Amino acid sequence: MREDRIIRLKTVLARTGLSRSTIYRKIAEGTFPSQIKISSNGTGWHESDINRWIADPVRWRPRRDLDEIL
């Protein structure tokens, strides 16, 4: 199991510089990490997924797609 901090939307917005609507559009397109459910009313993102996206947003792929390529 992955040991990773969970960050909330406010932090993701600040770190990426994207708007809320752009983040959710990119999730739907598959070009941004999906959020994970952390409670009945809350979601967040693995910080490492956001860091990977920030490092290379154009070539970013979901982790499961990377496993298939390798």
C-alpha atoms as a PDB file:
ATOM      1  CA  MET A   1       0.000   0.000   0.000  1.00  0.00           C
ATOM      2  CA  ARG A   2       1.228   3.451  -0.900  1.00  0.00           C
ATOM      3  CA  GLU A   3       2.209   5.797   1.943  1.00  0.00           C
ATOM      4  CA  ASP A   4       1.232   9.200   0.597  1.00  0.00           C
ATOM      5  CA  ARG A   5      -0.293  12.431   1.871  1.00  0.00           C
ATOM      6  CA  ILE A   6      -3.820  13.247   0.774  1.00  0.00           C
ATOM      7  CA  ILE A   7      -4.311  16.857  -0.321  1.00  0.00           C
ATOM      8  CA  ARG A   8      -7.618  18.641  -0.759  1.00  0.00           C
ATOM      9  CA  LEU A   9      -8.949  20.723  -3.644  1.00  0.00           C
ATOM     10  CA  LYS A  10      -7.800  24.064  -2.208  1.00  0.00           C
ATOM     11  CA  THR A  11      -4.192  22.819  -2.155  1.00  0.00           C
ATOM     12  CA  VAL A  12      -4.465  21.302  -5.647  1.00  0.00           C
ATOM     13  CA  LEU A  13      -5.786  24.624  -6.995  1.00  0.00           C
ATOM     14  CA  ALA A  14      -2.907  26.531  -5.421  1.00  0.00           C
ATOM     15  CA  ARG A  15      -0.214  24.067  -6.538  1.00  0.00           C
ATOM     16  CA  THR A  16      -1.397  23.687 -10.153  1.00  0.00           C
ATOM     17  CA  GLY A  17      -2.702  27.169 -10.898  1.00  0.00           C
ATOM     18  CA  LEU A  18      -5.733  25.601 -12.596  1.00  0.00           C
ATOM     19  CA  SER A  19      -9.338  26.546 -11.960  1.00  0.00           C
ATOM     20  CA  ARG A  20     -11.782  24.141 -10.337  1.00  0.00           C
ATOM     21  CA  SER A  21     -13.708  23.657 -13.583  1.00  0.00           C
ATOM     22  CA  THR A  22     -10.494  23.001 -15.536  1.00  0.00           C
ATOM     23  CA  ILE A  23      -9.408  20.339 -13.042  1.00  0.00           C
ATOM     24  CA  TYR A  24     -12.720  18.488 -13.299  1.00  0.00           C
ATOM     25  CA  ARG A  25     -12.733  18.801 -17.116  1.00  0.00           C
ATOM     26  CA  LYS A  26      -9.213  17.365 -17.283  1.00  0.00           C
ATOM     27  CA  ILE A  27     -10.228  14.498 -14.949  1.00  0.00           C
ATOM     28  CA  ALA A  28     -13.099  13.673 -17.331  1.00  0.00           C
ATOM     29  CA  GLU A  29     -10.663  13.771 -20.287  1.00  0.00           C
ATOM     30  CA  GLY A  30      -8.211  11.506 -18.439  1.00  0.00           C
ATOM     31  CA  THR A  31      -5.438  14.129 -18.450  1.00  0.00           C
ATOM     32  CA  PHE A  32      -5.388  14.864 -14.706  1.00  0.00           C
ATOM     33  CA  PRO A  33      -5.263  12.571 -11.653  1.00  0.00           C
ATOM     34  CA  SER A  34      -8.658  11.463 -10.356  1.00  0.00           C
ATOM     35  CA  GLN A  35      -9.661  12.303  -6.831  1.00  0.00           C
ATOM     36  CA  ILE A  36     -10.162   9.637  -4.192  1.00  0.00           C
ATOM     37  CA  LYS A  37     -12.978   9.423  -1.679  1.00  0.00           C
ATOM     38  CA  ILE A  38     -11.725  10.065   1.863  1.00  0.00           C
ATOM     39  CA  SER A  39     -15.068  10.326   3.691  1.00  0.00           C
ATOM     40  CA  SER A  40     -18.777  10.294   2.908  1.00  0.00           C
ATOM     41  CA  ASN A  41     -18.616  13.937   1.805  1.00  0.00           C
ATOM     42  CA  GLY A  42     -14.929  14.500   1.114  1.00  0.00           C
ATOM     43  CA  THR A  43     -12.419  13.799  -1.608  1.00  0.00           C
ATOM     44  CA  GLY A  44      -8.746  14.458  -2.089  1.00  0.00           C
ATOM     45  CA  TRP A  45      -5.765  13.569  -4.251  1.00  0.00           C
ATOM     46  CA  HIS A  46      -2.586  11.626  -3.581  1.00  0.00           C
ATOM     47  CA  GLU A  47       0.128  14.267  -3.371  1.00  0.00           C
ATOM     48  CA  SER A  48       2.508  12.121  -5.434  1.00  0.00           C
ATOM     49  CA  ASP A  49      -0.006  12.001  -8.321  1.00  0.00           C
ATOM     50  CA  ILE A  50      -0.295  15.788  -8.311  1.00  0.00           C
ATOM     51  CA  ASN A  51       3.506  16.126  -8.137  1.00  0.00           C
ATOM     52  CA  ARG A  52       3.877  13.821 -11.165  1.00  0.00           C
ATOM     53  CA  TRP A  53       1.310  15.887 -13.086  1.00  0.00           C
ATOM     54  CA  ILE A  54       3.039  19.180 -12.185  1.00  0.00           C
ATOM     55  CA  ALA A  55       6.416  17.766 -13.284  1.00  0.00           C
ATOM     56  CA  ASP A  56       5.120  16.871 -16.762  1.00  0.00           C
ATOM     57  CA  PRO A  57       1.469  17.760 -17.457  1.00  0.00           C
ATOM     58  CA  VAL A  58       1.647  16.989 -21.189  1.00  0.00           C
ATOM     59  CA  ARG A  59       2.968  13.441 -20.847  1.00  0.00           C
ATOM     60  CA  TRP A  60       1.176  12.572 -17.577  1.00  0.00           C
ATOM     61  CA  ARG A  61      -0.738   9.294 -17.619  1.00  0.00           C
ATOM     62  CA  PRO A  62      -2.677   7.513 -14.869  1.00  0.00           C
ATOM     63  CA  ARG A  63      -0.514   5.108 -12.892  1.00  0.00           C
ATOM     64  CA  ARG A  64      -2.450   2.074 -14.219  1.00  0.00           C
ATOM     65  CA  ASP A  65      -1.627   3.128 -17.812  1.00  0.00           C
ATOM     66  CA  LEU A  66       2.059   3.357 -16.874  1.00  0.00           C
ATOM     67  CA  ASP A  67       1.956  -0.188 -15.503  1.00  0.00           C
ATOM     68  CA  GLU A  68       0.586  -1.463 -18.827  1.00  0.00           C
ATOM     69  CA  ILE A  69       3.323   0.325 -20.808  1.00  0.00           C
ATOM     70  CA  LEU A  70       6.130  -1.021 -18.598  1.00  0.00           C
END
